[in-house]
Amino acid sequence: MSHYKHHVFFCTNLRESGEMCCGRCNAAEIRDYAKAKIKELGLSGEGGVRMNTAGCLGRCESGPVIVVYPEAIWYTYVDREDVDEIISEHLRNDRIVDRLLISD
């Protein structure tokens, strides 16, 4: 059994070249928001949700990227409302948010 129910990785990579990347989509700010939100909801910690920063996850063309383990579910998002939906549906209620999925 995993130490955490969900381990969430937020790409916050910023490419110096100016190419599309998560860092140019306010990823660090959204990650900080999500981390505070899961803490506020009492979802963080052992047996709950662990939120981590990730370097480039290699899916830059898909927009800002989040991957949730152990399910290996890849999401994109536009704003805090999208992240709220991922938290509410996936991290709290184990329901995948189909509209935000990144297809393979």
Protein backbone atom coordinates (compact mmCIF):
# COMPACT_ATOMS: atom_id res chain seq x y z
CA MET A 1 0.00 0.00 0.00
CA SER A 2 1.22 3.47 -0.85
CA HIS A 3 2.10 5.95 1.87
CA TYR A 4 -0.28 8.43 0.19
CA LYS A 5 -3.64 7.77 -1.38
CA HIS A 6 -2.76 10.21 -4.17
CA HIS A 7 0.62 11.64 -5.09
CA VAL A 8 0.18 14.70 -7.32
CA PHE A 9 2.96 16.17 -9.43
CA PHE A 10 2.61 19.71 -10.80
CA CYS A 11 4.97 20.62 -13.59
CA THR A 12 6.27 24.13 -12.94
CA ASN A 13 9.13 24.02 -15.45
CA LEU A 14 10.09 27.33 -17.03
CA ARG A 15 11.93 27.11 -20.34
CA GLU A 16 14.43 29.89 -20.79
CA SER A 17 14.05 29.71 -24.59
CA GLY A 18 10.55 31.18 -24.45
CA GLU A 19 8.91 27.99 -25.74
CA MET A 20 5.55 26.84 -24.42
CA CYS A 21 5.91 25.43 -20.92
CA CYS A 22 3.93 25.01 -17.72
CA GLY A 23 5.86 27.79 -16.00
CA ARG A 24 4.43 30.30 -18.46
CA CYS A 25 0.89 29.28 -17.44
CA ASN A 26 1.18 30.36 -13.78
CA ALA A 27 1.86 26.75 -12.78
CA ALA A 28 3.77 27.63 -9.59
CA GLU A 29 0.96 29.92 -8.41
CA ILE A 30 -1.70 27.29 -9.19
CA ARG A 31 0.38 24.59 -7.46
CA ASP A 32 0.65 26.78 -4.34
CA TYR A 33 -3.11 27.32 -4.46
CA ALA A 34 -3.79 23.57 -4.80
CA LYS A 35 -1.39 22.71 -1.98
CA ALA A 36 -3.09 25.20 0.35
CA LYS A 37 -6.53 23.93 -0.71
CA ILE A 38 -5.81 20.28 0.07
CA LYS A 39 -4.37 21.32 3.43
CA GLU A 40 -7.45 23.46 4.17
CA LEU A 41 -9.72 20.52 3.28
CA GLY A 42 -7.77 18.17 5.55
CA LEU A 43 -6.70 15.98 2.63
CA SER A 44 -2.93 16.32 3.00
CA GLY A 45 -0.51 14.03 4.77
CA GLU A 46 -0.04 10.32 5.31
CA GLY A 47 -2.87 8.30 3.83
CA GLY A 48 -4.10 11.39 1.98
CA VAL A 49 -2.71 13.61 -0.74
CA ARG A 50 0.90 14.62 -1.31
CA MET A 51 1.43 17.56 -3.66
CA ASN A 52 4.87 17.97 -5.27
CA THR A 53 6.55 20.22 -7.76
CA ALA A 54 7.91 18.47 -10.82
CA GLY A 55 10.33 19.57 -13.46
CA CYS A 56 9.38 19.10 -17.07
CA LEU A 57 7.03 16.17 -17.54
CA GLY A 58 7.48 16.28 -21.32
CA ARG A 59 3.88 17.09 -22.27
CA CYS A 60 4.29 20.83 -22.87
CA GLU A 61 2.08 20.82 -25.96
CA SER A 62 -0.86 19.80 -23.74
CA GLY A 63 -0.75 22.99 -21.66
CA PRO A 64 0.02 23.04 -17.95
CA VAL A 65 0.29 19.47 -16.68
CA ILE A 66 -0.61 17.59 -13.50
CA VAL A 67 -0.14 13.83 -13.06
CA VAL A 68 -1.84 11.90 -10.25
CA TYR A 69 -0.40 8.64 -8.96
CA PRO A 70 -0.83 5.79 -8.31
CA GLU A 71 -3.41 5.91 -11.12
CA ALA A 72 -1.06 7.71 -13.56
CA ILE A 73 -3.86 10.07 -14.61
CA TRP A 74 -2.65 13.08 -16.62
CA TYR A 75 -4.58 16.35 -16.48
CA THR A 76 -4.32 19.79 -17.92
CA TYR A 77 -6.01 22.88 -16.49
CA VAL A 78 -6.70 26.50 -17.28
CA ASP A 79 -7.45 28.06 -13.90
CA ARG A 80 -8.17 27.51 -10.22
CA GLU A 81 -11.68 26.30 -10.98
CA ASP A 82 -10.26 23.41 -13.01
CA VAL A 83 -7.91 22.51 -10.16
CA ASP A 84 -10.80 22.76 -7.68
CA GLU A 85 -12.67 20.24 -9.82
CA ILE A 86 -9.69 17.85 -9.84
CA ILE A 87 -9.41 18.16 -6.06
CA SER A 88 -13.13 17.70 -5.48
CA GLU A 89 -13.77 14.92 -7.96
CA HIS A 90 -10.54 12.95 -8.21
CA LEU A 91 -8.67 13.56 -4.97
CA ARG A 92 -11.72 13.53 -2.68
CA ASN A 93 -14.18 11.28 -4.46
CA ASP A 94 -12.01 9.08 -6.73
CA ARG A 95 -13.81 10.19 -9.89
CA ILE A 96 -11.71 11.04 -12.92
CA VAL A 97 -12.39 14.45 -14.48
CA ASP A 98 -12.76 13.40 -18.10
CA ARG A 99 -12.91 16.90 -19.57
CA LEU A 100 -9.42 17.73 -18.23
CA LEU A 101 -7.71 14.47 -19.21
CA ILE A 102 -4.69 14.51 -21.49
CA SER A 103 -5.05 11.69 -23.97
CA ASP A 104 -2.09 9.56 -24.92
